[in-house]
Amino acid sequence: MWLIVGLGNPGPKYEWTRHNCGFLVIDELARRAGREVRTPECQSLTTRVMIDGQQALLVKPQTFMNLSGVAVAALTQKHEIADAANVLVISDDLALPFGKLRIRPKGSAGGQNGLKSIIAKLGTQDFPRLRLGIAPEHATGNASDFVLAEFPKKDRGALAEIVTQAADAVEAILTKDIASAMSKYN
């Protein structure tokens, strides 16, 4: 089984913020499966889906971004997922241009606090991740204010396309392999 974890912050206040890209992709994957992510489990909201024959648990941690690792570690224990290669994490990336996707089989947190928390709690960097670029067009004074701000309405159409493409990338990772997905979506 796969854990597919979208990073974000819970509640309507954060729904359309840049930091919630992971949640948006999880919701799209659930929509495609005719499901909703609403089952409370290990400080997360979850739902089980099948993606081309692969069983997956879609996860939206409710711990807030900086403590995402607490929920992810609890879920890996509960579902006996011993191999971190079966934990796919979807997050925003302030260093990537808006709309750019980057898939990696493992790596550092790159300054993303949710990834830092997961790395600390799992004790490894060896899990795949899909990052969605949210970098501003112009320099911004405060990164925290920027990631916690809502996407402007003018960007929502492009955001919908990016979320769709990211969900396609997740499906490619599960149904083909990460190398194929990287060559197609990076």
Foldseek 3Di string as FASTA:
>chain_A
DAEEEFEFEDDPLQCQFLFRLRVLLLQVLQVVQVHGQAPDDQQWGWDWGAQPNDIYIYTYHHPHQLQLLSSVLRVCVVVVVPDLQRYEYEGEDQVDAALAKAKDQFDDPNPRNNLVNNCVNSVHRRYIYMYGYDHDPDDDDDPVVRRRDGDPPVCVVSSVVSSVLVNVLVSCCVPPNRVVSRVVRD
